[in-house]
Amino acid sequence: MKLVDATLRIHHTAICVNDFEHARDFYTRFLGFHLEGEMDRRGEPTLGEVVGLPGAVIRWAMLRHGAHRIELFKYYTPHGDMAPRRQCDFGYSHLAFEVADVDSIHRQAMQAGYRCNSSPKVMRNGHTKVFYLLEPEGAVTEFLQFLKKGEAHSPQGGANHGDA
């Protein structure tokens, strides 16, 4: 059975954080998201029902970039696992942005003091060039450039033609 709805489209990606201000600043100041709304000590009973955590109390914000939104959560109650997720752990693993110049984005990320797993690498037999940035608490944000023929060999990314 296929889901049928006249409006079905992506609205947001939710991210749970520990340091709310640091995360909000990363998405707004570095990535250019705009704050649509924010609430502190949000704890209406229906919130707990919807998220499956009765009695949940959170700090919340909705951030927008173009047609996509990031929904930030900081749980005051209950306390969650504080360990960063690895890419191989079960569930959603990262958020990805398509960019025009991944090398420039990498330079800007490094200049801003963010950590990256690697420099940009050419992958998928020369179709893409990517790197993973670790946001302030370790969640992964991928930056992805689709390459045109002849762009696969660049000084920073090398000729790394992986299968990922």
Protein backbone atom coordinates (compact mmCIF):
# COMPACT_ATOMS: atom_id res chain seq x y z
CA MET A 1 0.00 0.00 0.00
CA LYS A 2 1.28 3.46 -0.91
CA LEU A 3 0.57 6.46 1.33
CA VAL A 4 -1.80 8.91 -0.37
CA ASP A 5 -2.01 12.59 0.57
CA ALA A 6 -2.32 15.70 -1.60
CA THR A 7 0.24 17.70 0.43
CA LEU A 8 2.91 15.12 1.36
CA ARG A 9 6.35 16.83 1.31
CA ILE A 10 9.37 17.27 3.56
CA HIS A 11 8.84 19.89 6.28
CA HIS A 12 11.64 19.56 8.85
CA THR A 13 14.37 17.50 10.43
CA ALA A 14 14.40 17.32 14.24
CA ILE A 15 17.65 17.37 16.18
CA CYS A 16 18.00 16.84 19.92
CA VAL A 17 20.85 18.80 21.53
CA ASN A 18 22.40 19.39 24.94
CA ASP A 19 23.74 22.94 24.49
CA PHE A 20 20.75 24.69 22.95
CA GLU A 21 22.33 28.12 22.41
CA HIS A 22 25.47 26.69 20.80
CA ALA A 23 23.40 24.52 18.43
CA ARG A 24 20.99 27.33 17.56
CA ASP A 25 23.95 29.61 16.80
CA PHE A 26 25.54 26.94 14.57
CA TYR A 27 22.37 26.65 12.46
CA THR A 28 21.56 30.37 12.36
CA ARG A 29 24.94 32.10 12.31
CA PHE A 30 27.02 29.54 10.38
CA LEU A 31 24.47 27.78 8.16
CA GLY A 32 22.17 30.79 7.69
CA PHE A 33 18.88 29.39 9.04
CA HIS A 34 16.29 31.91 10.26
CA LEU A 35 14.52 31.53 13.60
CA GLU A 36 10.77 31.00 13.07
CA GLY A 37 9.87 30.35 16.68
CA GLU A 38 11.32 29.40 20.06
CA MET A 39 9.86 28.31 23.40
CA ASP A 40 11.49 27.44 26.70
CA ARG A 41 10.10 25.02 29.30
CA ARG A 42 7.54 23.69 26.84
CA GLY A 43 5.74 20.84 28.56
CA GLU A 44 2.12 20.58 27.47
CA PRO A 45 0.73 17.08 28.20
CA THR A 46 0.12 16.37 24.49
CA LEU A 47 3.86 16.90 23.78
CA GLY A 48 4.69 13.98 26.07
CA GLU A 49 2.01 11.86 24.38
CA VAL A 50 3.21 12.65 20.84
CA VAL A 51 6.91 12.00 21.55
CA GLY A 52 6.14 8.94 23.69
CA LEU A 53 7.73 10.47 26.81
CA PRO A 54 4.99 11.41 29.31
CA GLY A 55 5.97 14.45 31.37
CA ALA A 56 8.53 15.66 28.82
CA VAL A 57 9.71 19.26 29.25
CA ILE A 58 11.79 20.81 26.47
CA ARG A 59 13.35 23.89 25.02
CA TRP A 60 12.28 24.14 21.39
CA ALA A 61 13.00 26.16 18.25
CA MET A 62 12.03 25.98 14.60
CA LEU A 63 14.69 27.21 12.17
CA ARG A 64 14.12 27.70 8.43
CA HIS A 65 16.43 27.70 5.41
CA GLY A 66 14.55 27.92 2.13
CA ALA A 67 11.81 25.29 2.16
CA HIS A 68 13.44 23.14 4.85
CA ARG A 69 13.38 23.51 8.61
CA ILE A 70 15.43 22.24 11.52
CA GLU A 71 13.49 21.63 14.71
CA LEU A 72 15.79 21.86 17.73
CA PHE A 73 14.96 20.08 20.98
CA LYS A 74 16.71 20.21 24.33
CA TYR A 75 15.07 17.85 26.81
CA TYR A 76 15.03 19.00 30.41
CA THR A 77 12.94 15.94 31.33
CA PRO A 78 13.57 13.09 30.76
CA HIS A 79 17.34 13.05 30.37
CA GLY A 80 18.54 11.24 27.25
CA ASP A 81 21.73 9.48 26.23
CA MET A 82 24.45 12.12 25.89
CA ALA A 83 26.85 10.10 23.73
CA PRO A 84 27.18 11.26 20.10
CA ARG A 85 25.85 8.82 17.52
CA ARG A 86 28.18 7.12 15.09
CA GLN A 87 27.21 6.93 11.42
CA CYS A 88 26.78 3.15 11.75
CA ASP A 89 24.32 3.41 14.69
CA PHE A 90 20.68 2.57 14.04
CA GLY A 91 18.38 5.38 12.91
CA TYR A 92 18.83 8.65 11.08
CA SER A 93 22.51 9.44 10.80
CA HIS A 94 23.06 12.88 9.29
CA LEU A 95 21.69 15.95 7.55
CA ALA A 96 23.04 16.83 4.09
CA PHE A 97 23.24 20.10 2.16
CA GLU A 98 23.93 20.36 -1.56
CA VAL A 99 26.39 23.17 -2.27
CA ALA A 100 28.00 24.71 -5.36
CA ASP A 101 31.61 24.64 -4.05
CA VAL A 102 32.32 22.07 -1.38
CA ASP A 103 36.00 23.09 -1.10
CA SER A 104 34.98 26.66 -0.25
CA ILE A 105 32.48 25.42 2.34
CA HIS A 106 35.17 23.21 3.90
CA ARG A 107 37.59 26.17 4.12
CA GLN A 108 34.89 28.31 5.74
CA ALA A 109 34.04 25.55 8.24
CA MET A 110 37.68 25.16 9.20
CA GLN A 111 38.14 28.94 9.52
CA ALA A 112 35.08 29.05 11.79
CA GLY A 113 36.68 26.40 14.02
CA TYR A 114 34.46 23.42 13.20
CA ARG A 115 35.82 19.88 13.08
CA CYS A 116 35.48 17.72 9.97
CA ASN A 117 36.07 14.00 9.50
CA SER A 118 38.20 14.69 6.42
CA SER A 119 38.87 17.15 3.65
CA PRO A 120 36.36 16.99 0.73
CA LYS A 121 36.62 13.67 -1.11
CA VAL A 122 35.48 12.70 -4.60
CA MET A 123 33.12 9.72 -4.40
CA ARG A 124 30.64 7.64 -6.39
CA ASN A 125 33.01 7.21 -9.31
CA GLY A 126 33.50 10.96 -9.72
CA HIS A 127 29.86 12.04 -9.42
CA THR A 128 30.07 13.76 -6.02
CA LYS A 129 32.50 15.49 -3.70
CA VAL A 130 31.64 15.46 0.01
CA PHE A 131 32.81 16.01 3.55
CA TYR A 132 31.24 15.51 6.96
CA LEU A 133 31.29 18.40 9.43
CA LEU A 134 30.80 17.66 13.12
CA GLU A 135 28.43 20.22 14.59
CA PRO A 136 29.19 21.47 18.13
CA GLU A 137 27.89 18.32 19.89
CA GLY A 138 29.14 15.82 17.32
CA ALA A 139 26.08 15.38 15.08
CA VAL A 140 27.07 15.10 11.43
CA THR A 141 26.22 17.60 8.72
CA GLU A 142 27.24 16.53 5.21
CA PHE A 143 28.11 18.98 2.46
CA LEU A 144 27.72 17.55 -1.04
CA GLN A 145 28.67 18.91 -4.45
CA PHE A 146 27.51 17.17 -7.62
CA LEU A 147 30.40 17.21 -10.08
CA LYS A 148 30.34 17.85 -13.79
CA LYS A 149 32.62 15.83 -16.05
CA GLY A 150 36.23 16.88 -15.55
CA GLU A 151 35.77 18.21 -11.99
CA ALA A 152 36.73 14.94 -10.27
CA HIS A 153 40.41 15.82 -9.88
CA SER A 154 40.89 18.85 -7.65
CA PRO A 155 43.86 19.81 -5.49
CA GLN A 156 42.11 19.39 -2.15
CA GLY A 157 39.95 16.34 -2.80
CA GLY A 158 42.32 14.32 -4.97
CA ALA A 159 41.16 11.46 -7.13
CA ASN A 160 39.38 9.50 -4.44
CA HIS A 161 36.79 7.52 -6.37
CA GLY A 162 35.08 5.61 -3.57
CA ASP A 163 31.84 3.67 -3.79
CA ALA A 164 29.88 5.52 -1.10
